[in-house]
């Protein structure tokens, strides 16, 4: 078992799948020769050739459109959008073409493609390098949306996404690329080398889509989180000294409603944490699902902890960022303490 950070795990997933399946191709801005702005595709062009890993011009709509065409033709493209903040020009192709291809062709064609993109803040990236647009894609029938929180999950989930016969939007929390982050910016920088989630097999393995994971068992309150917020939620439970059960959704849609229901029915309380803006964030859908499935088990109102309804502010990043103190306060409110 190797020790990997998330960048290395994602690179390993791409390498394994490119070796396993000649139909897998990887492309995007600076993805080929340079190896990606975060080095996720480092060495893939040299190993697998110019036709398997190559650069694309700065045209997000063109990148996704090319991926749709490749997928319809029988390839399994993995397209990188350099930052999730720049994915918006490609949304028309993701929604109108990739997500609809199976339906509009009456299953004659599918779109087995993955759109990878780093997302989220905590890196002083400001409004144009910190956004969390995941809720836009969970709203679209025909798309799967995946967000890992550890290197182990990142590799296994990306392999499953590549093997899936429908389009997957795969968002990578860039604050976790080199180590876990619990939201305490004053603490020492952590490494995946000392975290169990950094233990990652070098060979092929898959983490199934649409299966959540219980990363901390508890009996008092359920916390639903994904990406960086998983680590923040665990830290908040320790800070508040509350027996919280933390659920890492891993796949946002289709969501593992069974895992959510089991936990909330056990604890009777639910807190939802995400970095994206509060209004119409994915937490609103999660809250609705919990209300529908667990209403008679709830002992307190559902709490949401999220980013502000503003652009991501550079100077107020750590007030915007849902840190452990804000999550711990929500836990105390849920417990009535």
C-alpha atoms as a PDB file:
ATOM      1  CA  UNK A   1       0.000   0.000   0.000  1.00  0.00           C
ATOM      2  CA  UNK A   2       1.516   3.298  -1.110  1.00  0.00           C
ATOM      3  CA  UNK A   3       1.204   6.683   0.567  1.00  0.00           C
ATOM      4  CA  UNK A   4      -0.168   9.280  -1.836  1.00  0.00           C
ATOM      5  CA  UNK A   5      -1.486  12.789  -1.697  1.00  0.00           C
ATOM      6  CA  UNK A   6      -4.619  13.548  -3.693  1.00  0.00           C
ATOM      7  CA  UNK A   7      -2.717  14.814  -6.726  1.00  0.00           C
ATOM      8  CA  UNK A   8      -0.725  11.593  -6.891  1.00  0.00           C
ATOM      9  CA  UNK A   9      -3.838   9.470  -6.382  1.00  0.00           C
ATOM     10  CA  UNK A  10      -5.693  11.177  -9.214  1.00  0.00           C
ATOM     11  CA  UNK A  11      -2.638  10.835 -11.444  1.00  0.00           C
ATOM     12  CA  UNK A  12      -2.444   7.154 -10.568  1.00  0.00           C
ATOM     13  CA  UNK A  13      -6.129   6.653 -11.418  1.00  0.00           C
ATOM     14  CA  UNK A  14      -5.658   8.213 -14.848  1.00  0.00           C
ATOM     15  CA  UNK A  15      -2.473   6.230 -15.452  1.00  0.00           C
ATOM     16  CA  UNK A  16      -4.099   2.941 -14.447  1.00  0.00           C
ATOM     17  CA  UNK A  17      -7.135   3.522 -16.640  1.00  0.00           C
ATOM     18  CA  UNK A  18      -5.114   4.674 -19.642  1.00  0.00           C
ATOM     19  CA  UNK A  19      -3.059   1.490 -19.392  1.00  0.00           C
ATOM     20  CA  UNK A  20      -6.151  -0.664 -18.880  1.00  0.00           C
ATOM     21  CA  UNK A  21      -8.357   0.834 -21.606  1.00  0.00           C
ATOM     22  CA  UNK A  22      -6.958   2.271 -24.863  1.00  0.00           C
ATOM     23  CA  UNK A  23     -10.185   4.250 -25.317  1.00  0.00           C
ATOM     24  CA  UNK A  24      -9.406   6.482 -22.329  1.00  0.00           C
ATOM     25  CA  UNK A  25      -8.021   9.866 -23.402  1.00  0.00           C
ATOM     26  CA  UNK A  26      -7.098  12.834 -21.212  1.00  0.00           C
ATOM     27  CA  UNK A  27      -7.049  16.453 -22.370  1.00  0.00           C
ATOM     28  CA  UNK A  28      -7.526  20.056 -21.311  1.00  0.00           C
ATOM     29  CA  UNK A  29      -5.627  23.301 -20.833  1.00  0.00           C
ATOM     30  CA  UNK A  30      -1.938  22.645 -20.027  1.00  0.00           C
ATOM     31  CA  UNK A  31      -2.785  18.994 -19.374  1.00  0.00           C
ATOM     32  CA  UNK A  32      -0.299  17.440 -21.797  1.00  0.00           C
ATOM     33  CA  UNK A  33       3.270  18.727 -21.934  1.00  0.00           C
ATOM     34  CA  UNK A  34       3.072  20.751 -18.711  1.00  0.00           C
ATOM     35  CA  UNK A  35       1.188  18.083 -16.752  1.00  0.00           C
ATOM     36  CA  UNK A  36      -1.597  20.335 -15.500  1.00  0.00           C
ATOM     37  CA  UNK A  37      -1.540  23.465 -13.374  1.00  0.00           C
ATOM     38  CA  UNK A  38      -1.751  21.256 -10.245  1.00  0.00           C
ATOM     39  CA  UNK A  39       0.380  18.475 -11.831  1.00  0.00           C
ATOM     40  CA  UNK A  40      -2.453  15.924 -11.793  1.00  0.00           C
ATOM     41  CA  UNK A  41      -1.592  14.764 -15.332  1.00  0.00           C
ATOM     42  CA  UNK A  42       2.171  14.951 -14.867  1.00  0.00           C
ATOM     43  CA  UNK A  43       4.016  12.359 -16.956  1.00  0.00           C
ATOM     44  CA  UNK A  44       0.941  10.938 -18.687  1.00  0.00           C
ATOM     45  CA  UNK A  45       1.764  12.368 -22.110  1.00  0.00           C
ATOM     46  CA  UNK A  46       5.304  11.046 -21.951  1.00  0.00           C
ATOM     47  CA  UNK A  47       4.077   7.592 -20.937  1.00  0.00           C
ATOM     48  CA  UNK A  48       0.944   7.208 -23.071  1.00  0.00           C
ATOM     49  CA  UNK A  49       1.684   9.416 -26.063  1.00  0.00           C
ATOM     50  CA  UNK A  50       0.532  12.630 -27.692  1.00  0.00           C
ATOM     51  CA  UNK A  51      -2.780  11.169 -28.879  1.00  0.00           C
ATOM     52  CA  UNK A  52      -3.808   9.938 -25.419  1.00  0.00           C
ATOM     53  CA  UNK A  53      -2.924  12.986 -23.316  1.00  0.00           C
ATOM     54  CA  UNK A  54      -2.888  16.361 -25.019  1.00  0.00           C
ATOM     55  CA  UNK A  55      -3.395  20.082 -24.605  1.00  0.00           C
ATOM     56  CA  UNK A  56      -6.523  22.001 -25.563  1.00  0.00           C
ATOM     57  CA  UNK A  57      -6.985  25.700 -26.308  1.00  0.00           C
ATOM     58  CA  UNK A  58      -8.597  28.020 -23.782  1.00  0.00           C
ATOM     59  CA  UNK A  59     -12.180  27.217 -24.726  1.00  0.00           C
ATOM     60  CA  UNK A  60     -14.122  25.389 -22.032  1.00  0.00           C
ATOM     61  CA  UNK A  61     -17.158  24.986 -24.279  1.00  0.00           C
ATOM     62  CA  UNK A  62     -14.946  23.521 -26.985  1.00  0.00           C
ATOM     63  CA  UNK A  63     -13.247  21.151 -24.549  1.00  0.00           C
ATOM     64  CA  UNK A  64     -16.548  19.701 -23.346  1.00  0.00           C
ATOM     65  CA  UNK A  65     -18.006  19.628 -26.873  1.00  0.00           C
ATOM     66  CA  UNK A  66     -14.993  17.661 -28.088  1.00  0.00           C
ATOM     67  CA  UNK A  67     -15.400  15.267 -25.161  1.00  0.00           C
ATOM     68  CA  UNK A  68     -19.068  14.696 -26.046  1.00  0.00           C
ATOM     69  CA  UNK A  69     -18.135  13.880 -29.631  1.00  0.00           C
ATOM     70  CA  UNK A  70     -15.376  11.526 -28.524  1.00  0.00           C
ATOM     71  CA  UNK A  71     -17.721   9.771 -26.112  1.00  0.00           C
ATOM     72  CA  UNK A  72     -20.449   9.342 -28.755  1.00  0.00           C
ATOM     73  CA  UNK A  73     -17.810   7.863 -31.055  1.00  0.00           C
ATOM     74  CA  UNK A  74     -16.821   5.258 -28.445  1.00  0.00           C
ATOM     75  CA  UNK A  75     -13.933   6.803 -26.537  1.00  0.00           C
ATOM     76  CA  UNK A  76     -13.866   7.496 -22.801  1.00  0.00           C
ATOM     77  CA  UNK A  77     -12.558  11.060 -22.545  1.00  0.00           C
ATOM     78  CA  UNK A  78     -11.496  12.699 -19.297  1.00  0.00           C
ATOM     79  CA  UNK A  79     -11.622  16.444 -19.851  1.00  0.00           C
ATOM     80  CA  UNK A  80     -10.053  18.843 -17.378  1.00  0.00           C
ATOM     81  CA  UNK A  81     -11.407  22.315 -16.729  1.00  0.00           C
ATOM     82  CA  UNK A  82      -8.501  24.097 -15.068  1.00  0.00           C
ATOM     83  CA  UNK A  83     -10.648  25.694 -12.332  1.00  0.00           C
ATOM     84  CA  UNK A  84     -14.332  25.098 -11.599  1.00  0.00           C
ATOM     85  CA  UNK A  85     -14.758  28.877 -11.764  1.00  0.00           C
ATOM     86  CA  UNK A  86     -14.201  28.596 -15.529  1.00  0.00           C
ATOM     87  CA  UNK A  87     -16.609  25.741 -16.149  1.00  0.00           C
ATOM     88  CA  UNK A  88     -19.539  28.039 -16.970  1.00  0.00           C
ATOM     89  CA  UNK A  89     -18.775  28.403 -20.715  1.00  0.00           C
ATOM     90  CA  UNK A  90     -18.910  24.602 -20.889  1.00  0.00           C
ATOM     91  CA  UNK A  91     -22.214  24.224 -19.063  1.00  0.00           C
ATOM     92  CA  UNK A  92     -24.316  24.321 -22.235  1.00  0.00           C
ATOM     93  CA  UNK A  93     -22.422  21.338 -23.636  1.00  0.00           C
ATOM     94  CA  UNK A  94     -22.536  19.482 -20.304  1.00  0.00           C
ATOM     95  CA  UNK A  95     -26.273  19.974 -19.857  1.00  0.00           C
ATOM     96  CA  UNK A  96     -27.686  20.178 -23.386  1.00  0.00           C
ATOM     97  CA  UNK A  97     -25.467  17.532 -24.970  1.00  0.00           C
ATOM     98  CA  UNK A  98     -23.660  15.229 -22.532  1.00  0.00           C
ATOM     99  CA  UNK A  99     -26.475  14.837 -20.002  1.00  0.00           C
ATOM    100  CA  UNK A 100     -29.157  14.420 -22.684  1.00  0.00           C
ATOM    101  CA  UNK A 101     -27.409  12.176 -25.198  1.00  0.00           C
ATOM    102  CA  UNK A 102     -28.697   8.849 -23.869  1.00  0.00           C
ATOM    103  CA  UNK A 103     -32.282  10.176 -23.613  1.00  0.00           C
ATOM    104  CA  UNK A 104     -32.472  12.057 -26.895  1.00  0.00           C
ATOM    105  CA  UNK A 105     -31.019   9.116 -28.849  1.00  0.00           C
ATOM    106  CA  UNK A 106     -33.299   6.566 -27.165  1.00  0.00           C
ATOM    107  CA  UNK A 107     -30.167   4.856 -25.780  1.00  0.00           C
ATOM    108  CA  UNK A 108     -28.512   4.512 -29.203  1.00  0.00           C
ATOM    109  CA  UNK A 109     -25.680   6.716 -27.883  1.00  0.00           C
ATOM    110  CA  UNK A 110     -24.235   7.333 -24.449  1.00  0.00           C
ATOM    111  CA  UNK A 111     -21.726   9.859 -23.149  1.00  0.00           C
ATOM    112  CA  UNK A 112     -19.149   7.965 -21.059  1.00  0.00           C
ATOM    113  CA  UNK A 113     -17.110  11.043 -20.218  1.00  0.00           C
ATOM    114  CA  UNK A 114     -15.696  12.676 -17.125  1.00  0.00           C
ATOM    115  CA  UNK A 115     -15.275  16.409 -16.606  1.00  0.00           C
ATOM    116  CA  UNK A 116     -12.663  16.947 -13.893  1.00  0.00           C
ATOM    117  CA  UNK A 117     -12.177  20.281 -12.185  1.00  0.00           C
ATOM    118  CA  UNK A 118     -10.607  21.601  -8.960  1.00  0.00           C
ATOM    119  CA  UNK A 119     -13.054  23.601  -6.849  1.00  0.00           C
ATOM    120  CA  UNK A 120     -13.399  25.393  -3.524  1.00  0.00           C
ATOM    121  CA  UNK A 121     -11.512  27.936  -1.483  1.00  0.00           C
ATOM    122  CA  UNK A 122      -9.123  28.089   1.399  1.00  0.00           C
ATOM    123  CA  UNK A 123      -6.192  28.926  -0.889  1.00  0.00           C
ATOM    124  CA  UNK A 124      -6.538  32.746  -1.129  1.00  0.00           C
ATOM    125  CA  UNK A 125      -7.807  32.360  -4.675  1.00  0.00           C
ATOM    126  CA  UNK A 126     -10.441  35.079  -4.463  1.00  0.00           C
ATOM    127  CA  UNK A 127     -13.695  35.130  -6.374  1.00  0.00           C
ATOM    128  CA  UNK A 128     -12.324  33.634  -9.613  1.00  0.00           C
ATOM    129  CA  UNK A 129     -10.432  30.650  -8.189  1.00  0.00           C
ATOM    130  CA  UNK A 130     -12.525  29.545  -5.200  1.00  0.00           C
ATOM    131  CA  UNK A 131     -16.092  28.822  -6.318  1.00  0.00           C
ATOM    132  CA  UNK A 132     -18.147  25.718  -5.538  1.00  0.00           C
ATOM    133  CA  UNK A 133     -20.647  25.181  -8.394  1.00  0.00           C
ATOM    134  CA  UNK A 134     -21.669  21.609  -7.560  1.00  0.00           C
ATOM    135  CA  UNK A 135     -25.363  22.394  -6.999  1.00  0.00           C
ATOM    136  CA  UNK A 136     -25.740  23.515 -10.626  1.00  0.00           C
ATOM    137  CA  UNK A 137     -24.948  19.996 -11.815  1.00  0.00           C
ATOM    138  CA  UNK A 138     -26.980  18.069  -9.228  1.00  0.00           C
ATOM    139  CA  UNK A 139     -30.023  19.817 -10.712  1.00  0.00           C
ATOM    140  CA  UNK A 140     -29.479  18.189 -14.124  1.00  0.00           C
ATOM    141  CA  UNK A 141     -31.047  14.829 -14.979  1.00  0.00           C
ATOM    142  CA  UNK A 142     -28.495  12.582 -16.630  1.00  0.00           C
ATOM    143  CA  UNK A 143     -25.413  13.766 -14.723  1.00  0.00           C
ATOM    144  CA  UNK A 144     -23.570  12.184 -11.826  1.00  0.00           C
ATOM    145  CA  UNK A 145     -21.693  14.492  -9.469  1.00  0.00           C
ATOM    146  CA  UNK A 146     -18.752  13.220  -7.414  1.00  0.00           C
ATOM    147  CA  UNK A 147     -16.519  14.922  -4.818  1.00  0.00           C
ATOM    148  CA  UNK A 148     -13.823  12.966  -2.930  1.00  0.00           C
ATOM    149  CA  UNK A 149     -12.316  13.908   0.430  1.00  0.00           C
ATOM    150  CA  UNK A 150      -9.258  11.615   0.591  1.00  0.00           C
ATOM    151  CA  UNK A 151      -6.634  10.305  -1.842  1.00  0.00           C
ATOM    152  CA  UNK A 152      -7.968   6.766  -1.478  1.00  0.00           C
ATOM    153  CA  UNK A 153     -11.474   7.834  -2.448  1.00  0.00           C
ATOM    154  CA  UNK A 154     -10.202  10.187  -5.142  1.00  0.00           C
ATOM    155  CA  UNK A 155      -8.497   7.371  -7.028  1.00  0.00           C
ATOM    156  CA  UNK A 156     -11.244   4.799  -6.567  1.00  0.00           C
ATOM    157  CA  UNK A 157     -14.048   7.212  -7.408  1.00  0.00           C
ATOM    158  CA  UNK A 158     -12.275   8.571 -10.487  1.00  0.00           C
ATOM    159  CA  UNK A 159     -11.781   5.038 -11.790  1.00  0.00           C
ATOM    160  CA  UNK A 160     -15.488   4.325 -11.265  1.00  0.00           C
ATOM    161  CA  UNK A 161     -16.379   7.605 -12.972  1.00  0.00           C
ATOM    162  CA  UNK A 162     -14.248   6.746 -16.014  1.00  0.00           C
ATOM    163  CA  UNK A 163     -15.841   3.312 -16.247  1.00  0.00           C
ATOM    164  CA  UNK A 164     -19.365   4.700 -15.952  1.00  0.00           C
ATOM    165  CA  UNK A 165     -21.355   4.827 -19.200  1.00  0.00           C
ATOM    166  CA  UNK A 166     -22.890   8.213 -18.388  1.00  0.00           C
ATOM    167  CA  UNK A 167     -21.326  11.649 -17.869  1.00  0.00           C
ATOM    168  CA  UNK A 168     -19.759  12.427 -14.509  1.00  0.00           C
ATOM    169  CA  UNK A 169     -18.790  15.842 -13.173  1.00  0.00           C
ATOM    170  CA  UNK A 170     -15.834  15.119 -10.889  1.00  0.00           C
ATOM    171  CA  UNK A 171     -14.988  18.047  -8.625  1.00  0.00           C
ATOM    172  CA  UNK A 172     -11.722  17.953  -6.693  1.00  0.00           C
ATOM    173  CA  UNK A 173     -11.310  20.006  -3.487  1.00  0.00           C
ATOM    174  CA  UNK A 174      -7.997  21.680  -4.253  1.00  0.00           C
ATOM    175  CA  UNK A 175      -7.447  22.618  -0.603  1.00  0.00           C
ATOM    176  CA  UNK A 176      -7.020  18.860  -0.030  1.00  0.00           C
ATOM    177  CA  UNK A 177      -4.620  18.200  -2.903  1.00  0.00           C
ATOM    178  CA  UNK A 178      -1.522  18.048  -0.705  1.00  0.00           C
ATOM    179  CA  UNK A 179      -2.984  17.302   2.722  1.00  0.00           C
ATOM    180  CA  UNK A 180      -6.105  17.165   4.886  1.00  0.00           C
ATOM    181  CA  UNK A 181      -7.425  20.499   6.136  1.00  0.00           C
ATOM    182  CA  UNK A 182      -9.692  20.872   9.155  1.00  0.00           C
ATOM    183  CA  UNK A 183     -10.395  24.575   8.651  1.00  0.00           C
ATOM    184  CA  UNK A 184      -7.825  25.838  11.164  1.00  0.00           C
ATOM    185  CA  UNK A 185      -5.598  28.089   9.073  1.00  0.00           C
ATOM    186  CA  UNK A 186      -3.389  28.886  12.070  1.00  0.00           C
ATOM    187  CA  UNK A 187      -2.422  25.270  12.612  1.00  0.00           C
ATOM    188  CA  UNK A 188       0.488  23.378  11.115  1.00  0.00           C
ATOM    189  CA  UNK A 189       0.150  22.237   7.515  1.00  0.00           C
ATOM    190  CA  UNK A 190      -0.875  18.590   7.470  1.00  0.00           C
ATOM    191  CA  UNK A 191       0.317  15.858   5.128  1.00  0.00           C
ATOM    192  CA  UNK A 192      -1.565  12.883   3.724  1.00  0.00           C
ATOM    193  CA  UNK A 193       1.445  10.775   4.773  1.00  0.00           C
ATOM    194  CA  UNK A 194       0.093  10.704   8.330  1.00  0.00           C
ATOM    195  CA  UNK A 195      -3.587  10.266   7.489  1.00  0.00           C
ATOM    196  CA  UNK A 196      -5.258   6.876   6.898  1.00  0.00           C
ATOM    197  CA  UNK A 197      -6.956   8.292   3.791  1.00  0.00           C
ATOM    198  CA  UNK A 198      -3.531   8.655   2.222  1.00  0.00           C
ATOM    199  CA  UNK A 199      -3.052   4.876   2.050  1.00  0.00           C
ATOM    200  CA  UNK A 200      -3.748   4.205  -1.606  1.00  0.00           C
ATOM    201  CA  UNK A 201      -3.126   1.030  -3.648  1.00  0.00           C
ATOM    202  CA  UNK A 202      -0.944   1.559  -6.682  1.00  0.00           C
ATOM    203  CA  UNK A 203      -2.956  -0.843  -8.830  1.00  0.00           C
ATOM    204  CA  UNK A 204      -6.553  -0.855 -10.043  1.00  0.00           C
ATOM    205  CA  UNK A 205      -9.434  -0.627  -7.584  1.00  0.00           C
ATOM    206  CA  UNK A 206     -12.807   1.101  -7.656  1.00  0.00           C
ATOM    207  CA  UNK A 207     -14.899   2.907  -5.065  1.00  0.00           C
ATOM    208  CA  UNK A 208     -18.557   2.542  -6.094  1.00  0.00           C
ATOM    209  CA  UNK A 209     -20.466   5.673  -7.005  1.00  0.00           C
ATOM    210  CA  UNK A 210     -23.532   6.631  -4.958  1.00  0.00           C
ATOM    211  CA  UNK A 211     -22.217   5.084  -1.734  1.00  0.00           C
ATOM    212  CA  UNK A 212     -21.631   7.393   1.217  1.00  0.00           C
ATOM    213  CA  UNK A 213     -19.109   6.631   3.944  1.00  0.00           C
ATOM    214  CA  UNK A 214     -19.374   7.044   7.712  1.00  0.00           C
ATOM    215  CA  UNK A 215     -16.082   8.700   8.635  1.00  0.00           C
ATOM    216  CA  UNK A 216     -16.983   9.254  12.282  1.00  0.00           C
ATOM    217  CA  UNK A 217     -19.578   7.254  14.153  1.00  0.00           C
ATOM    218  CA  UNK A 218     -21.794   8.992  16.669  1.00  0.00           C
ATOM    219  CA  UNK A 219     -25.196   8.973  18.317  1.00  0.00           C
ATOM    220  CA  UNK A 220     -26.139  12.604  19.005  1.00  0.00           C
ATOM    221  CA  UNK A 221     -26.259  14.411  15.650  1.00  0.00           C
ATOM    222  CA  UNK A 222     -25.659  13.591  11.973  1.00  0.00           C
ATOM    223  CA  UNK A 223     -23.415  15.838   9.900  1.00  0.00           C
ATOM    224  CA  UNK A 224     -23.711  15.566   6.114  1.00  0.00           C
ATOM    225  CA  UNK A 225     -20.645  16.871   4.306  1.00  0.00           C
ATOM    226  CA  UNK A 226     -18.386  16.362   1.310  1.00  0.00           C
ATOM    227  CA  UNK A 227     -14.927  17.428   0.170  1.00  0.00           C
ATOM    228  CA  UNK A 228     -12.987  19.664   2.543  1.00  0.00           C
ATOM    229  CA  UNK A 229     -15.997  20.040   4.824  1.00  0.00           C
ATOM    230  CA  UNK A 230     -15.712  16.376   5.884  1.00  0.00           C
ATOM    231  CA  UNK A 231     -12.483  17.192   7.717  1.00  0.00           C
ATOM    232  CA  UNK A 232     -13.930  20.420   9.098  1.00  0.00           C
ATOM    233  CA  UNK A 233     -16.934  18.509  10.471  1.00  0.00           C
ATOM    234  CA  UNK A 234     -14.734  15.962  12.249  1.00  0.00           C
ATOM    235  CA  UNK A 235     -12.697  18.769  13.807  1.00  0.00           C
ATOM    236  CA  UNK A 236     -15.876  20.568  14.864  1.00  0.00           C
ATOM    237  CA  UNK A 237     -17.207  17.466  16.628  1.00  0.00           C
ATOM    238  CA  UNK A 238     -13.961  17.195  18.574  1.00  0.00           C
ATOM    239  CA  UNK A 239     -14.023  20.908  19.388  1.00  0.00           C
ATOM    240  CA  UNK A 240     -17.627  20.846  20.577  1.00  0.00           C
ATOM    241  CA  UNK A 241     -17.169  17.510  22.368  1.00  0.00           C
ATOM    242  CA  UNK A 242     -20.381  16.261  20.796  1.00  0.00           C
ATOM    243  CA  UNK A 243     -20.907  12.657  19.721  1.00  0.00           C
ATOM    244  CA  UNK A 244     -21.510  13.535  16.078  1.00  0.00           C
ATOM    245  CA  UNK A 245     -21.777  11.068  13.228  1.00  0.00           C
ATOM    246  CA  UNK A 246     -20.086  12.489  10.123  1.00  0.00           C
ATOM    247  CA  UNK A 247     -21.253  11.204   6.740  1.00  0.00           C
ATOM    248  CA  UNK A 248     -19.045  11.783   3.694  1.00  0.00           C
ATOM    249  CA  UNK A 249     -21.472  11.766   0.768  1.00  0.00           C
ATOM    250  CA  UNK A 250     -18.702  11.183  -1.827  1.00  0.00           C
ATOM    251  CA  UNK A 251     -21.302  11.066  -4.622  1.00  0.00           C
ATOM    252  CA  UNK A 252     -23.654  14.038  -4.415  1.00  0.00           C
ATOM    253  CA  UNK A 253     -25.985  12.740  -7.077  1.00  0.00           C
ATOM    254  CA  UNK A 254     -27.395  10.137  -7.162  1.00  0.00           C
ATOM    255  CA  UNK A 255     -27.068  10.561  -3.393  1.00  0.00           C
ATOM    256  CA  UNK A 256     -26.991   7.628  -0.963  1.00  0.00           C
ATOM    257  CA  UNK A 257     -30.299   8.378   0.720  1.00  0.00           C
ATOM    258  CA  UNK A 258     -30.252   5.067   2.596  1.00  0.00           C
ATOM    259  CA  UNK A 259     -27.048   5.991   4.444  1.00  0.00           C
ATOM    260  CA  UNK A 260     -28.445   9.425   5.265  1.00  0.00           C
ATOM    261  CA  UNK A 261     -31.724   8.019   6.506  1.00  0.00           C
ATOM    262  CA  UNK A 262     -30.071   5.378   8.702  1.00  0.00           C
ATOM    263  CA  UNK A 263     -27.931   7.958  10.418  1.00  0.00           C
ATOM    264  CA  UNK A 264     -30.562  10.666  10.947  1.00  0.00           C
ATOM    265  CA  UNK A 265     -33.113   8.165  12.222  1.00  0.00           C
ATOM    266  CA  UNK A 266     -30.503   7.054  14.747  1.00  0.00           C
ATOM    267  CA  UNK A 267     -29.401  10.511  15.932  1.00  0.00           C
ATOM    268  CA  UNK A 268     -32.595  12.531  15.465  1.00  0.00           C
ATOM    269  CA  UNK A 269     -30.647  15.607  14.422  1.00  0.00           C
ATOM    270  CA  UNK A 270     -29.014  16.766  11.187  1.00  0.00           C
ATOM    271  CA  UNK A 271     -26.484  19.423  10.205  1.00  0.00           C
ATOM    272  CA  UNK A 272     -25.522  20.006   6.585  1.00  0.00           C
ATOM    273  CA  UNK A 273     -22.193  21.631   5.756  1.00  0.00           C
ATOM    274  CA  UNK A 274     -20.916  22.874   2.420  1.00  0.00           C
ATOM    275  CA  UNK A 275     -18.607  25.617   1.231  1.00  0.00           C
ATOM    276  CA  UNK A 276     -20.890  26.865  -1.544  1.00  0.00           C
ATOM    277  CA  UNK A 277     -23.271  29.761  -1.007  1.00  0.00           C
ATOM    278  CA  UNK A 278     -26.224  29.000   1.247  1.00  0.00           C
ATOM    279  CA  UNK A 279     -29.202  29.885  -0.962  1.00  0.00           C
ATOM    280  CA  UNK A 280     -30.090  27.058  -3.359  1.00  0.00           C
ATOM    281  CA  UNK A 281     -26.920  25.210  -2.398  1.00  0.00           C
ATOM    282  CA  UNK A 282     -26.960  21.419  -2.409  1.00  0.00           C
ATOM    283  CA  UNK A 283     -27.668  21.568   1.302  1.00  0.00           C
ATOM    284  CA  UNK A 284     -31.188  22.775   0.523  1.00  0.00           C
ATOM    285  CA  UNK A 285     -31.892  19.556  -1.385  1.00  0.00           C
ATOM    286  CA  UNK A 286     -30.336  17.472   1.361  1.00  0.00           C
ATOM    287  CA  UNK A 287     -32.448  19.235   3.966  1.00  0.00           C
ATOM    288  CA  UNK A 288     -35.583  18.547   1.962  1.00  0.00           C
ATOM    289  CA  UNK A 289     -34.681  14.877   1.613  1.00  0.00           C
ATOM    290  CA  UNK A 290     -34.026  14.538   5.337  1.00  0.00           C
ATOM    291  CA  UNK A 291     -37.357  16.222   6.103  1.00  0.00           C
ATOM    292  CA  UNK A 292     -39.208  13.892   3.723  1.00  0.00           C
ATOM    293  CA  UNK A 293     -37.579  10.680   4.922  1.00  0.00           C
ATOM    294  CA  UNK A 294     -36.934  11.385   8.608  1.00  0.00           C
ATOM    295  CA  UNK A 295     -39.572  13.883   9.744  1.00  0.00           C
ATOM    296  CA  UNK A 296     -40.931  11.793  12.641  1.00  0.00           C
ATOM    297  CA  UNK A 297     -37.422  11.061  13.894  1.00  0.00           C
ATOM    298  CA  UNK A 298     -36.201  14.672  14.061  1.00  0.00           C
ATOM    299  CA  UNK A 299     -35.693  16.138  17.527  1.00  0.00           C
ATOM    300  CA  UNK A 300     -34.514  19.560  16.340  1.00  0.00           C
ATOM    301  CA  UNK A 301     -34.618  21.755  13.226  1.00  0.00           C
ATOM    302  CA  UNK A 302     -32.174  20.878  10.452  1.00  0.00           C
ATOM    303  CA  UNK A 303     -29.161  23.197  10.462  1.00  0.00           C
ATOM    304  CA  UNK A 304     -27.189  24.405   7.430  1.00  0.00           C
ATOM    305  CA  UNK A 305     -23.660  25.820   7.618  1.00  0.00           C
ATOM    306  CA  UNK A 306     -22.426  27.250   4.337  1.00  0.00           C
ATOM    307  CA  UNK A 307     -20.682  30.092   2.541  1.00  0.00           C
ATOM    308  CA  UNK A 308     -22.224  33.530   2.325  1.00  0.00           C
ATOM    309  CA  UNK A 309     -24.590  34.592  -0.433  1.00  0.00           C
ATOM    310  CA  UNK A 310     -21.829  36.705  -1.961  1.00  0.00           C
ATOM    311  CA  UNK A 311     -18.935  36.211  -4.347  1.00  0.00           C
ATOM    312  CA  UNK A 312     -16.017  34.525  -2.567  1.00  0.00           C
ATOM    313  CA  UNK A 313     -14.356  37.483  -0.774  1.00  0.00           C
ATOM    314  CA  UNK A 314     -10.571  37.511  -0.817  1.00  0.00           C
ATOM    315  CA  UNK A 315     -10.089  39.679   2.259  1.00  0.00           C
ATOM    316  CA  UNK A 316     -12.826  37.924   4.276  1.00  0.00           C
ATOM    317  CA  UNK A 317     -12.007  34.404   3.112  1.00  0.00           C
ATOM    318  CA  UNK A 318     -11.934  32.868   6.575  1.00  0.00           C
ATOM    319  CA  UNK A 319     -15.194  34.481   7.613  1.00  0.00           C
ATOM    320  CA  UNK A 320     -16.817  33.098   4.446  1.00  0.00           C
ATOM    321  CA  UNK A 321     -15.190  29.679   4.771  1.00  0.00           C
ATOM    322  CA  UNK A 322     -17.322  27.415   7.028  1.00  0.00           C
ATOM    323  CA  UNK A 323     -14.750  26.617   9.687  1.00  0.00           C
ATOM    324  CA  UNK A 324     -14.996  24.264  12.675  1.00  0.00           C
ATOM    325  CA  UNK A 325     -16.192  27.005  15.046  1.00  0.00           C
ATOM    326  CA  UNK A 326     -19.277  27.703  12.916  1.00  0.00           C
ATOM    327  CA  UNK A 327     -20.020  23.993  12.571  1.00  0.00           C
ATOM    328  CA  UNK A 328     -19.517  23.435  16.303  1.00  0.00           C
ATOM    329  CA  UNK A 329     -22.002  26.259  17.027  1.00  0.00           C
ATOM    330  CA  UNK A 330     -24.553  24.536  14.785  1.00  0.00           C
ATOM    331  CA  UNK A 331     -24.002  21.290  16.671  1.00  0.00           C
ATOM    332  CA  UNK A 332     -24.656  23.033  19.975  1.00  0.00           C
ATOM    333  CA  UNK A 333     -27.828  24.619  18.625  1.00  0.00           C
ATOM    334  CA  UNK A 334     -29.045  21.254  17.409  1.00  0.00           C
ATOM    335  CA  UNK A 335     -28.347  19.768  20.819  1.00  0.00           C
ATOM    336  CA  UNK A 336     -29.972  22.710  22.609  1.00  0.00           C
ATOM    337  CA  UNK A 337     -26.808  23.490  24.558  1.00  0.00           C
END
